[in-house]
Amino acid sequence: MDPGLVDTGYGVLEADGRGFTVIDAGVVSTVAGQPLEARLNAIHAAVHRLMVDRAPGLVVVEDLYTEYKFPRTAILMGHARGVIYLAARQLGVTVLALSASEVKRAITGNGAAGKTQMQRGVQTLLGLKDLPRPSHVADALGLALTGMARVTGRTPTGRPVASAPRGASAAGAWRGAAEGEPSEARVRRGAAEGEPSGNMIT
């Protein structure tokens, strides 16, 4: 998951013998102007529901780093990370934190890669027809790929052998608010392919 108070990107990957498949991807958005506690509650409720629905074996979250140009952004991101960690703990799911630079390096070879580079790198590695949009989704899928590589011992391409990863059509067209989501939050999802047996939500 790519945490943010306004938009939290998420992506769900499943590993198989041929690579990594996108099961679901999207953004949890909150309503500007709502009190902080209402927005955090909305993020928690939406993320908790996603974890219940997708039953991940691991949740990967972008870590905070020590120096921020805009400290307020880091503080708000920290709030969003906190409720993601809480939801994972409530469901007994392990959390792995990865730095943005580590993920960028794994996906693009450049620890300071820009948003477009990340989108293109994720598109290539997952065989997506279109660029994953918005950038929060690309970042979430990049976290997923890097976390999968850590856990499975594969490269971010998903290849312990020379087979290409299976393509996926997720992270393209968004649905509207998911059924049963709290009014303070809106979940935009990509097209999901089938139900996973062992997922990672990031």
C-alpha atoms as a PDB file:
ATOM      1  CA  MET A   1       0.000   0.000   0.000  1.00  0.00           C
ATOM      2  CA  ASP A   2       1.101   3.522  -0.843  1.00  0.00           C
ATOM      3  CA  PRO A   3      -0.332   5.439   2.133  1.00  0.00           C
ATOM      4  CA  GLY A   4      -1.710   8.958   1.947  1.00  0.00           C
ATOM      5  CA  LEU A   5      -4.414  10.926   3.693  1.00  0.00           C
ATOM      6  CA  VAL A   6      -6.019  12.052   0.417  1.00  0.00           C
ATOM      7  CA  ASP A   7      -5.328   8.927  -1.670  1.00  0.00           C
ATOM      8  CA  THR A   8      -3.988   5.558  -0.544  1.00  0.00           C
ATOM      9  CA  GLY A   9      -2.969   3.381  -3.461  1.00  0.00           C
ATOM     10  CA  TYR A  10      -3.218  -0.385  -3.219  1.00  0.00           C
ATOM     11  CA  GLY A  11      -2.377  -3.353  -5.375  1.00  0.00           C
ATOM     12  CA  VAL A  12      -2.890  -7.075  -4.872  1.00  0.00           C
ATOM     13  CA  LEU A  13      -0.478  -9.542  -6.476  1.00  0.00           C
ATOM     14  CA  GLU A  14      -0.502 -13.305  -6.619  1.00  0.00           C
ATOM     15  CA  ALA A  15       2.642 -15.337  -7.254  1.00  0.00           C
ATOM     16  CA  ASP A  16       2.641 -18.525  -9.285  1.00  0.00           C
ATOM     17  CA  GLY A  17       5.240 -20.586 -11.123  1.00  0.00           C
ATOM     18  CA  ARG A  18       5.274 -18.200 -14.074  1.00  0.00           C
ATOM     19  CA  GLY A  19       5.479 -14.843 -12.328  1.00  0.00           C
ATOM     20  CA  PHE A  20       3.195 -12.345 -10.621  1.00  0.00           C
ATOM     21  CA  THR A  21      -0.415 -11.591 -11.533  1.00  0.00           C
ATOM     22  CA  VAL A  22      -2.360  -8.455 -10.644  1.00  0.00           C
ATOM     23  CA  ILE A  23      -5.536  -9.479  -8.835  1.00  0.00           C
ATOM     24  CA  ASP A  24      -6.800  -6.043  -7.850  1.00  0.00           C
ATOM     25  CA  ALA A  25      -5.573  -2.443  -7.757  1.00  0.00           C
ATOM     26  CA  GLY A  26      -7.037   0.938  -6.975  1.00  0.00           C
ATOM     27  CA  VAL A  27      -7.149   3.934  -4.681  1.00  0.00           C
ATOM     28  CA  VAL A  28      -8.865   4.603  -1.368  1.00  0.00           C
ATOM     29  CA  SER A  29      -9.762   8.314  -1.334  1.00  0.00           C
ATOM     30  CA  THR A  30     -11.084  10.470   1.487  1.00  0.00           C
ATOM     31  CA  VAL A  31     -13.189  13.617   1.354  1.00  0.00           C
ATOM     32  CA  ALA A  32     -11.315  16.908   1.729  1.00  0.00           C
ATOM     33  CA  GLY A  33     -12.655  19.061   4.545  1.00  0.00           C
ATOM     34  CA  GLN A  34     -13.619  16.128   6.763  1.00  0.00           C
ATOM     35  CA  PRO A  35     -12.068  16.070  10.259  1.00  0.00           C
ATOM     36  CA  LEU A  36      -8.807  14.140  10.464  1.00  0.00           C
ATOM     37  CA  GLU A  37     -10.342  11.440  12.657  1.00  0.00           C
ATOM     38  CA  ALA A  38     -13.165  10.872  10.132  1.00  0.00           C
ATOM     39  CA  ARG A  39     -10.707  10.515   7.264  1.00  0.00           C
ATOM     40  CA  LEU A  40      -8.514   8.092   9.196  1.00  0.00           C
ATOM     41  CA  ASN A  41     -11.561   6.071  10.182  1.00  0.00           C
ATOM     42  CA  ALA A  42     -12.593   5.906   6.516  1.00  0.00           C
ATOM     43  CA  ILE A  43      -9.138   4.721   5.426  1.00  0.00           C
ATOM     44  CA  HIS A  44      -9.077   2.106   8.183  1.00  0.00           C
ATOM     45  CA  ALA A  45     -12.546   0.798   7.298  1.00  0.00           C
ATOM     46  CA  ALA A  46     -11.781   0.568   3.565  1.00  0.00           C
ATOM     47  CA  VAL A  47      -8.360  -1.053   4.077  1.00  0.00           C
ATOM     48  CA  HIS A  48      -9.751  -3.485   6.660  1.00  0.00           C
ATOM     49  CA  ARG A  49     -12.462  -4.518   4.200  1.00  0.00           C
ATOM     50  CA  LEU A  50      -9.914  -4.997   1.404  1.00  0.00           C
ATOM     51  CA  MET A  51      -7.814  -7.237   3.640  1.00  0.00           C
ATOM     52  CA  VAL A  52     -10.851  -9.267   4.652  1.00  0.00           C
ATOM     53  CA  ASP A  53     -11.883  -9.652   0.993  1.00  0.00           C
ATOM     54  CA  ARG A  54      -8.405 -10.486  -0.338  1.00  0.00           C
ATOM     55  CA  ALA A  55      -6.933 -12.397   2.634  1.00  0.00           C
ATOM     56  CA  PRO A  56      -3.304 -11.360   2.078  1.00  0.00           C
ATOM     57  CA  GLY A  57      -0.365 -13.306   3.435  1.00  0.00           C
ATOM     58  CA  LEU A  58       1.649 -10.094   3.715  1.00  0.00           C
ATOM     59  CA  VAL A  59       0.998  -6.354   3.503  1.00  0.00           C
ATOM     60  CA  VAL A  60       3.792  -4.138   2.157  1.00  0.00           C
ATOM     61  CA  VAL A  61       3.699  -0.448   3.086  1.00  0.00           C
ATOM     62  CA  GLU A  62       5.931   2.429   2.051  1.00  0.00           C
ATOM     63  CA  ASP A  63       8.209   3.369   4.930  1.00  0.00           C
ATOM     64  CA  LEU A  64       8.831   6.864   6.250  1.00  0.00           C
ATOM     65  CA  TYR A  65      12.304   8.296   5.844  1.00  0.00           C
ATOM     66  CA  THR A  66      14.093  10.824   8.014  1.00  0.00           C
ATOM     67  CA  GLU A  67      14.317  13.935   5.830  1.00  0.00           C
ATOM     68  CA  TYR A  68      11.233  15.440   4.202  1.00  0.00           C
ATOM     69  CA  LYS A  69      11.014  18.658   2.207  1.00  0.00           C
ATOM     70  CA  PHE A  70       7.470  19.062   3.522  1.00  0.00           C
ATOM     71  CA  PRO A  71       7.276  17.657   7.091  1.00  0.00           C
ATOM     72  CA  ARG A  72       3.484  18.061   7.225  1.00  0.00           C
ATOM     73  CA  THR A  73       3.147  15.609   4.315  1.00  0.00           C
ATOM     74  CA  ALA A  74       5.204  13.057   6.249  1.00  0.00           C
ATOM     75  CA  ILE A  75       3.069  13.522   9.357  1.00  0.00           C
ATOM     76  CA  LEU A  76      -0.175  12.991   7.419  1.00  0.00           C
ATOM     77  CA  MET A  77       1.314   9.975   5.647  1.00  0.00           C
ATOM     78  CA  GLY A  78       2.313   8.640   9.068  1.00  0.00           C
ATOM     79  CA  HIS A  79      -1.308   8.842  10.220  1.00  0.00           C
ATOM     80  CA  ALA A  80      -2.445   6.840   7.184  1.00  0.00           C
ATOM     81  CA  ARG A  81       0.311   4.269   7.747  1.00  0.00           C
ATOM     82  CA  GLY A  82      -0.829   3.900  11.341  1.00  0.00           C
ATOM     83  CA  VAL A  83      -4.373   2.866  10.483  1.00  0.00           C
ATOM     84  CA  ILE A  84      -3.088   0.464   7.798  1.00  0.00           C
ATOM     85  CA  TYR A  85      -0.855  -1.161  10.418  1.00  0.00           C
ATOM     86  CA  LEU A  86      -3.804  -1.295  12.809  1.00  0.00           C
ATOM     87  CA  ALA A  87      -6.033  -3.049  10.258  1.00  0.00           C
ATOM     88  CA  ALA A  88      -3.283  -5.565   9.510  1.00  0.00           C
ATOM     89  CA  ARG A  89      -2.730  -6.250  13.201  1.00  0.00           C
ATOM     90  CA  GLN A  90      -6.446  -6.740  13.830  1.00  0.00           C
ATOM     91  CA  LEU A  91      -6.486  -9.416  11.106  1.00  0.00           C
ATOM     92  CA  GLY A  92      -3.179 -11.024  12.076  1.00  0.00           C
ATOM     93  CA  VAL A  93      -1.405 -10.060   8.828  1.00  0.00           C
ATOM     94  CA  THR A  94       2.335  -9.414   8.793  1.00  0.00           C
ATOM     95  CA  VAL A  95       3.483  -5.977   7.589  1.00  0.00           C
ATOM     96  CA  LEU A  96       6.705  -5.250   5.705  1.00  0.00           C
ATOM     97  CA  ALA A  97       7.895  -1.635   5.342  1.00  0.00           C
ATOM     98  CA  LEU A  98      10.051  -0.734   2.324  1.00  0.00           C
ATOM     99  CA  SER A  99      11.637   2.614   1.528  1.00  0.00           C
ATOM    100  CA  ALA A 100      10.572   4.446  -1.619  1.00  0.00           C
ATOM    101  CA  SER A 101      14.181   4.523  -2.873  1.00  0.00           C
ATOM    102  CA  GLU A 102      14.561   0.743  -2.504  1.00  0.00           C
ATOM    103  CA  VAL A 103      11.379   0.162  -4.487  1.00  0.00           C
ATOM    104  CA  LYS A 104      12.372   2.627  -7.211  1.00  0.00           C
ATOM    105  CA  ARG A 105      15.781   0.988  -7.496  1.00  0.00           C
ATOM    106  CA  ALA A 106      14.210  -2.482  -7.764  1.00  0.00           C
ATOM    107  CA  ILE A 107      11.662  -1.431 -10.397  1.00  0.00           C
ATOM    108  CA  THR A 108      13.659   1.036 -12.511  1.00  0.00           C
ATOM    109  CA  GLY A 109      17.298   0.672 -11.473  1.00  0.00           C
ATOM    110  CA  ASN A 110      17.222   4.279 -10.243  1.00  0.00           C
ATOM    111  CA  GLY A 111      16.557   5.080  -6.576  1.00  0.00           C
ATOM    112  CA  ALA A 112      15.464   8.596  -7.501  1.00  0.00           C
ATOM    113  CA  ALA A 113      13.122   7.636 -10.357  1.00  0.00           C
ATOM    114  CA  GLY A 114      10.190   9.919 -11.111  1.00  0.00           C
ATOM    115  CA  LYS A 115       6.514   8.989 -11.234  1.00  0.00           C
ATOM    116  CA  THR A 116       6.447   8.320 -14.989  1.00  0.00           C
ATOM    117  CA  GLN A 117       9.510   6.076 -14.771  1.00  0.00           C
ATOM    118  CA  MET A 118       7.835   4.082 -12.003  1.00  0.00           C
ATOM    119  CA  GLN A 119       4.615   3.761 -13.991  1.00  0.00           C
ATOM    120  CA  ARG A 120       6.516   2.506 -17.044  1.00  0.00           C
ATOM    121  CA  GLY A 121       8.647   0.136 -14.988  1.00  0.00           C
ATOM    122  CA  VAL A 122       5.597  -1.411 -13.309  1.00  0.00           C
ATOM    123  CA  GLN A 123       3.767  -1.624 -16.630  1.00  0.00           C
ATOM    124  CA  THR A 124       6.695  -3.482 -18.198  1.00  0.00           C
ATOM    125  CA  LEU A 125       7.339  -5.871 -15.304  1.00  0.00           C
ATOM    126  CA  LEU A 126       3.670  -6.840 -14.965  1.00  0.00           C
ATOM    127  CA  GLY A 127       2.880  -6.875 -18.683  1.00  0.00           C
ATOM    128  CA  LEU A 128       0.063  -4.333 -18.314  1.00  0.00           C
ATOM    129  CA  LYS A 129      -1.608  -3.015 -21.461  1.00  0.00           C
ATOM    130  CA  ASP A 130      -1.812   0.531 -20.084  1.00  0.00           C
ATOM    131  CA  LEU A 131       0.192   2.626 -17.670  1.00  0.00           C
ATOM    132  CA  PRO A 132      -1.063   2.039 -14.111  1.00  0.00           C
ATOM    133  CA  ARG A 133      -2.868   5.221 -13.090  1.00  0.00           C
ATOM    134  CA  PRO A 134      -2.922   7.194 -10.914  1.00  0.00           C
ATOM    135  CA  SER A 135       0.699   7.143  -9.750  1.00  0.00           C
ATOM    136  CA  HIS A 136      -0.412   5.890  -6.301  1.00  0.00           C
ATOM    137  CA  VAL A 137      -1.424   2.614  -7.961  1.00  0.00           C
ATOM    138  CA  ALA A 138       1.932   2.284  -9.734  1.00  0.00           C
ATOM    139  CA  ASP A 139       3.720   2.933  -6.441  1.00  0.00           C
ATOM    140  CA  ALA A 140       1.578   0.342  -4.653  1.00  0.00           C
ATOM    141  CA  LEU A 141       2.224  -2.278  -7.340  1.00  0.00           C
ATOM    142  CA  GLY A 142       5.936  -1.420  -7.219  1.00  0.00           C
ATOM    143  CA  LEU A 143       5.891  -2.031  -3.475  1.00  0.00           C
ATOM    144  CA  ALA A 144       4.130  -5.335  -4.101  1.00  0.00           C
ATOM    145  CA  LEU A 145       6.692  -6.465  -6.665  1.00  0.00           C
ATOM    146  CA  THR A 146       9.620  -5.540  -4.448  1.00  0.00           C
ATOM    147  CA  GLY A 147       8.034  -7.190  -1.416  1.00  0.00           C
ATOM    148  CA  MET A 148       7.318 -10.340  -3.431  1.00  0.00           C
ATOM    149  CA  ALA A 149      10.954 -10.403  -4.526  1.00  0.00           C
ATOM    150  CA  ARG A 150      12.054 -10.228  -0.884  1.00  0.00           C
ATOM    151  CA  VAL A 151       9.683 -12.997   0.213  1.00  0.00           C
ATOM    152  CA  THR A 152      10.029 -15.393  -2.719  1.00  0.00           C
ATOM    153  CA  GLY A 153      13.685 -14.823  -3.547  1.00  0.00           C
ATOM    154  CA  ARG A 154      12.750 -13.902  -7.117  1.00  0.00           C
ATOM    155  CA  THR A 155      13.678 -10.774  -8.989  1.00  0.00           C
ATOM    156  CA  PRO A 156      10.917  -8.129  -9.359  1.00  0.00           C
ATOM    157  CA  THR A 157      10.222  -9.682 -12.767  1.00  0.00           C
ATOM    158  CA  GLY A 158       8.980 -12.728 -10.876  1.00  0.00           C
ATOM    159  CA  ARG A 159      11.436 -14.975 -12.685  1.00  0.00           C
ATOM    160  CA  PRO A 160      13.531 -17.535 -10.888  1.00  0.00           C
ATOM    161  CA  VAL A 161      13.780 -18.994 -14.403  1.00  0.00           C
ATOM    162  CA  ALA A 162      13.601 -17.399 -17.845  1.00  0.00           C
ATOM    163  CA  SER A 163       9.825 -17.276 -18.242  1.00  0.00           C
ATOM    164  CA  ALA A 164       8.114 -13.900 -18.587  1.00  0.00           C
ATOM    165  CA  PRO A 165       5.509 -12.833 -16.030  1.00  0.00           C
ATOM    166  CA  ARG A 166       1.913 -13.306 -16.980  1.00  0.00           C
ATOM    167  CA  GLY A 167       0.162 -10.186 -18.231  1.00  0.00           C
ATOM    168  CA  ALA A 168      -2.748  -8.561 -16.422  1.00  0.00           C
ATOM    169  CA  SER A 169      -5.370  -6.029 -17.286  1.00  0.00           C
ATOM    170  CA  ALA A 170      -5.807  -4.456 -13.854  1.00  0.00           C
ATOM    171  CA  ALA A 171      -5.099  -0.846 -12.908  1.00  0.00           C
ATOM    172  CA  GLY A 172      -6.811   0.529 -15.990  1.00  0.00           C
ATOM    173  CA  ALA A 173     -10.516   1.413 -15.733  1.00  0.00           C
ATOM    174  CA  TRP A 174     -11.903   2.390 -12.333  1.00  0.00           C
ATOM    175  CA  ARG A 175     -15.205   1.434 -10.810  1.00  0.00           C
ATOM    176  CA  GLY A 176     -17.140   3.842  -8.617  1.00  0.00           C
ATOM    177  CA  ALA A 177     -17.443   3.639  -4.862  1.00  0.00           C
ATOM    178  CA  ALA A 178     -17.389   0.032  -3.712  1.00  0.00           C
ATOM    179  CA  GLU A 179     -20.535  -1.396  -2.192  1.00  0.00           C
ATOM    180  CA  GLY A 180     -20.683  -0.951   1.540  1.00  0.00           C
ATOM    181  CA  GLU A 181     -17.802   1.547   1.744  1.00  0.00           C
ATOM    182  CA  PRO A 182     -18.183   4.295   4.357  1.00  0.00           C
ATOM    183  CA  SER A 183     -19.418   7.604   2.972  1.00  0.00           C
ATOM    184  CA  GLU A 184     -16.160   9.348   3.901  1.00  0.00           C
ATOM    185  CA  ALA A 185     -14.104   7.049   1.665  1.00  0.00           C
ATOM    186  CA  ARG A 186     -14.223   6.165  -1.982  1.00  0.00           C
ATOM    187  CA  VAL A 187     -12.523   3.104  -3.424  1.00  0.00           C
ATOM    188  CA  ARG A 188     -11.622   3.103  -7.112  1.00  0.00           C
ATOM    189  CA  ARG A 189     -10.708  -0.370  -8.264  1.00  0.00           C
ATOM    190  CA  GLY A 190      -9.130  -1.856 -11.338  1.00  0.00           C
ATOM    191  CA  ALA A 191     -10.569  -4.944 -13.025  1.00  0.00           C
ATOM    192  CA  ALA A 192      -9.666  -8.009 -10.970  1.00  0.00           C
ATOM    193  CA  GLU A 193      -9.004 -11.422 -12.438  1.00  0.00           C
ATOM    194  CA  GLY A 194     -10.342 -14.291 -10.360  1.00  0.00           C
ATOM    195  CA  GLU A 195     -10.050 -14.848  -6.636  1.00  0.00           C
ATOM    196  CA  PRO A 196      -6.551 -15.376  -5.262  1.00  0.00           C
ATOM    197  CA  SER A 197      -5.446 -18.146  -2.970  1.00  0.00           C
ATOM    198  CA  GLY A 198      -2.492 -16.348  -1.392  1.00  0.00           C
ATOM    199  CA  ASN A 199      -2.227 -12.603  -1.940  1.00  0.00           C
ATOM    200  CA  MET A 200      -0.151  -9.624  -1.068  1.00  0.00           C
ATOM    201  CA  ILE A 201      -1.842  -6.275  -0.585  1.00  0.00           C
ATOM    202  CA  THR A 202       0.416  -3.260  -0.918  1.00  0.00           C
END
